[in-house]
N, C-alpha and C. Protein backbone atom coordinates (compact mmCIF):
# COMPACT_ATOMS: atom_id res chain seq x y z
N MET A 1 2.65 -5.00 2.57
CA MET A 1 3.11 -4.60 3.74
C MET A 1 3.72 -5.79 4.45
N LYS A 2 4.88 -5.65 5.23
CA LYS A 2 5.51 -6.50 6.06
C LYS A 2 5.83 -5.90 7.45
N VAL A 3 5.75 -6.88 8.35
CA VAL A 3 6.06 -6.40 9.75
C VAL A 3 6.80 -7.28 10.45
N LYS A 4 7.53 -6.67 11.54
CA LYS A 4 8.41 -7.65 12.55
C LYS A 4 8.30 -6.89 13.87
N VAL A 5 8.52 -7.89 14.91
CA VAL A 5 8.52 -7.35 16.23
C VAL A 5 9.96 -7.60 16.80
N ASN A 6 10.38 -6.25 17.28
CA ASN A 6 11.73 -6.13 17.87
C ASN A 6 11.65 -6.80 19.21
N GLN A 7 12.07 -7.92 19.45
CA GLN A 7 12.00 -8.71 20.59
C GLN A 7 12.72 -8.00 21.76
N GLU A 8 13.75 -7.27 21.63
CA GLU A 8 14.35 -6.47 22.65
C GLU A 8 13.69 -5.37 23.22
N ALA A 9 12.71 -4.85 22.45
CA ALA A 9 11.85 -3.85 22.72
C ALA A 9 10.44 -4.20 23.29
N CYS A 10 9.98 -5.35 22.81
CA CYS A 10 8.66 -5.92 23.35
C CYS A 10 8.58 -6.07 24.69
N ILE A 11 7.64 -5.62 25.36
CA ILE A 11 7.27 -5.88 26.79
C ILE A 11 6.24 -6.89 27.15
N GLY A 12 5.70 -7.44 26.08
CA GLY A 12 4.57 -8.40 26.11
C GLY A 12 3.21 -8.00 26.81
N CYS A 13 2.92 -6.75 26.21
CA CYS A 13 1.60 -6.21 26.79
C CYS A 13 0.35 -6.76 26.39
N GLY A 14 0.76 -7.16 25.01
CA GLY A 14 -0.56 -8.02 24.43
C GLY A 14 -1.40 -7.02 23.63
N ALA A 15 -1.33 -5.76 23.45
CA ALA A 15 -2.09 -5.03 22.87
C ALA A 15 -2.24 -5.23 21.44
N CYS A 16 -1.08 -5.66 20.69
CA CYS A 16 -1.08 -6.03 19.43
C CYS A 16 -1.89 -7.41 19.14
N VAL A 17 -1.78 -8.19 20.09
CA VAL A 17 -2.63 -9.47 19.89
C VAL A 17 -4.12 -9.24 20.02
N ALA A 18 -4.45 -8.34 21.05
CA ALA A 18 -5.97 -7.74 21.16
C ALA A 18 -6.39 -7.27 20.05
N ILE A 19 -5.66 -6.34 19.29
CA ILE A 19 -6.07 -5.60 18.12
C ILE A 19 -6.14 -6.43 16.79
N CYS A 20 -5.10 -7.18 16.66
CA CYS A 20 -4.92 -7.94 15.54
C CYS A 20 -4.48 -9.24 15.56
N GLU A 21 -5.09 -10.27 16.36
CA GLU A 21 -5.06 -11.54 16.80
C GLU A 21 -4.55 -12.40 15.63
N ASP A 22 -5.04 -12.04 14.43
CA ASP A 22 -4.61 -12.67 13.22
C ASP A 22 -3.40 -12.53 12.66
N MET A 23 -2.59 -11.70 13.23
CA MET A 23 -1.30 -11.32 12.95
C MET A 23 -0.14 -11.43 13.75
N PHE A 24 -0.71 -11.46 15.18
CA PHE A 24 0.29 -11.40 16.32
C PHE A 24 -0.21 -12.45 17.26
N GLU A 25 0.95 -12.92 17.97
CA GLU A 25 0.67 -13.88 18.99
C GLU A 25 1.78 -13.90 20.04
N LEU A 26 1.63 -14.27 21.38
CA LEU A 26 2.58 -14.32 22.51
C LEU A 26 3.45 -15.34 22.20
N ASN A 27 4.75 -15.43 22.25
CA ASN A 27 5.60 -16.74 22.30
C ASN A 27 5.83 -17.30 23.71
N ASP A 28 6.56 -18.26 23.85
CA ASP A 28 6.92 -18.99 25.02
C ASP A 28 7.46 -17.88 26.21
N GLU A 29 8.31 -16.92 25.59
CA GLU A 29 8.81 -16.18 26.54
C GLU A 29 7.97 -14.95 26.82
N GLY A 30 6.83 -14.81 26.32
CA GLY A 30 5.75 -13.75 26.71
C GLY A 30 5.88 -12.53 25.93
N THR A 31 6.59 -12.58 24.83
CA THR A 31 6.90 -11.37 23.87
C THR A 31 6.05 -11.67 22.54
N SER A 32 5.55 -10.66 21.93
CA SER A 32 4.75 -10.73 20.72
C SER A 32 5.87 -11.22 19.51
N VAL A 33 5.16 -11.87 18.65
CA VAL A 33 5.77 -12.24 17.46
C VAL A 33 4.78 -12.19 16.19
N ALA A 34 5.30 -11.72 15.16
CA ALA A 34 4.20 -11.68 13.89
C ALA A 34 4.22 -13.31 13.54
N LYS A 35 2.83 -13.66 13.41
CA LYS A 35 2.55 -15.03 12.75
C LYS A 35 3.17 -15.23 11.38
N THR A 36 3.27 -14.16 10.56
CA THR A 36 3.87 -14.19 9.22
C THR A 36 4.20 -12.83 9.22
N PRO A 37 5.29 -12.48 8.28
CA PRO A 37 5.74 -11.04 8.27
C PRO A 37 5.01 -10.33 7.04
N GLU A 38 4.23 -11.26 6.29
CA GLU A 38 3.45 -10.55 5.22
C GLU A 38 2.15 -10.40 5.65
N VAL A 39 1.65 -9.16 5.52
CA VAL A 39 0.53 -8.64 6.04
C VAL A 39 -0.60 -8.67 4.80
N PRO A 40 -1.67 -9.50 5.06
CA PRO A 40 -2.86 -9.67 3.90
C PRO A 40 -3.50 -8.33 3.78
N ASP A 41 -3.86 -7.91 2.63
CA ASP A 41 -4.69 -6.62 2.32
C ASP A 41 -5.86 -6.36 3.51
N ASP A 42 -6.46 -7.46 3.72
CA ASP A 42 -7.66 -7.29 4.67
C ASP A 42 -7.35 -7.14 6.05
N LYS A 43 -5.97 -7.31 6.37
CA LYS A 43 -5.55 -7.05 7.84
C LYS A 43 -4.62 -5.72 7.91
N LYS A 44 -4.39 -4.92 6.81
CA LYS A 44 -3.51 -3.91 7.03
C LYS A 44 -3.93 -3.07 7.88
N GLU A 45 -5.25 -2.53 7.89
CA GLU A 45 -5.77 -1.51 9.02
C GLU A 45 -5.68 -1.96 10.28
N ALA A 46 -5.95 -3.16 10.72
CA ALA A 46 -5.79 -3.59 12.19
C ALA A 46 -4.39 -3.86 12.35
N CYS A 47 -3.47 -4.14 11.56
CA CYS A 47 -2.04 -4.22 11.92
C CYS A 47 -1.34 -2.95 11.99
N GLN A 48 -1.93 -1.94 11.15
CA GLN A 48 -1.59 -0.58 11.36
C GLN A 48 -1.86 0.03 12.76
N ASP A 49 -3.09 -0.34 13.26
CA ASP A 49 -3.65 0.02 14.64
C ASP A 49 -2.70 -0.73 15.76
N ALA A 50 -2.25 -1.86 15.54
CA ALA A 50 -1.40 -2.62 16.44
C ALA A 50 -0.12 -1.91 16.43
N ILE A 51 0.51 -1.37 15.34
CA ILE A 51 1.71 -0.74 15.21
C ILE A 51 1.56 0.59 16.09
N ASP A 52 0.58 1.20 15.77
CA ASP A 52 0.40 2.55 16.45
C ASP A 52 0.18 2.47 17.99
N SER A 53 -0.47 1.40 18.34
CA SER A 53 -0.69 1.13 19.74
C SER A 53 0.43 0.50 20.52
N CYS A 54 1.36 0.19 19.91
CA CYS A 54 2.51 -0.52 20.70
C CYS A 54 3.17 0.44 21.52
N PRO A 55 3.16 0.33 22.94
CA PRO A 55 3.77 1.22 23.95
C PRO A 55 5.13 1.54 23.81
N THR A 56 5.93 0.40 23.12
CA THR A 56 7.38 0.59 23.19
C THR A 56 7.84 0.95 21.78
N GLY A 57 6.84 0.60 20.66
CA GLY A 57 7.21 0.97 19.37
C GLY A 57 7.98 -0.44 18.70
N ALA A 58 7.79 -1.48 19.36
CA ALA A 58 8.35 -2.75 19.10
C ALA A 58 8.07 -3.32 17.74
N ILE A 59 6.76 -3.03 17.21
CA ILE A 59 6.31 -3.35 15.83
C ILE A 59 6.72 -2.40 14.98
N VAL A 60 7.53 -2.94 13.79
CA VAL A 60 7.90 -2.17 12.86
C VAL A 60 7.48 -2.61 11.43
N GLU A 61 6.97 -1.68 10.34
CA GLU A 61 6.82 -2.05 9.16
C GLU A 61 8.26 -2.35 8.48
N ILE A 62 8.47 -3.27 7.68
CA ILE A 62 9.52 -3.52 6.84
C ILE A 62 9.30 -2.90 5.57
N LYS A 63 10.06 -1.82 5.39
CA LYS A 63 9.86 -0.92 4.10
C LYS A 63 10.45 -1.60 2.99
N ASP A 64 11.87 -2.25 3.01
CA ASP A 64 12.52 -2.92 2.11
C ASP A 64 13.54 -3.85 2.76
N GLU A 65 14.18 -4.46 1.90
CA GLU A 65 14.97 -5.75 2.32
C GLU A 65 16.04 -5.38 3.24
N SER A 66 16.49 -4.14 3.48
CA SER A 66 17.52 -3.65 4.35
C SER A 66 17.07 -3.43 5.76
N ASN A 67 15.89 -3.35 5.82
CA ASN A 67 15.26 -3.27 7.29
C ASN A 67 15.28 -4.64 8.19
């Protein structure tokens, strides 16, 4: 599983950081970024919760290289 955050859609609410701080952080602009695109197996459930909880749908799973 890989993830990325659409910077144009992110409003910086911090829900993803609160849910999965090992994978997400707020940058200097106040929007979320994935610390690494590759999600370790032990973080997949929390990362999926963050994706599902994002109010703007800014966090997306990268399904293949064309995304």
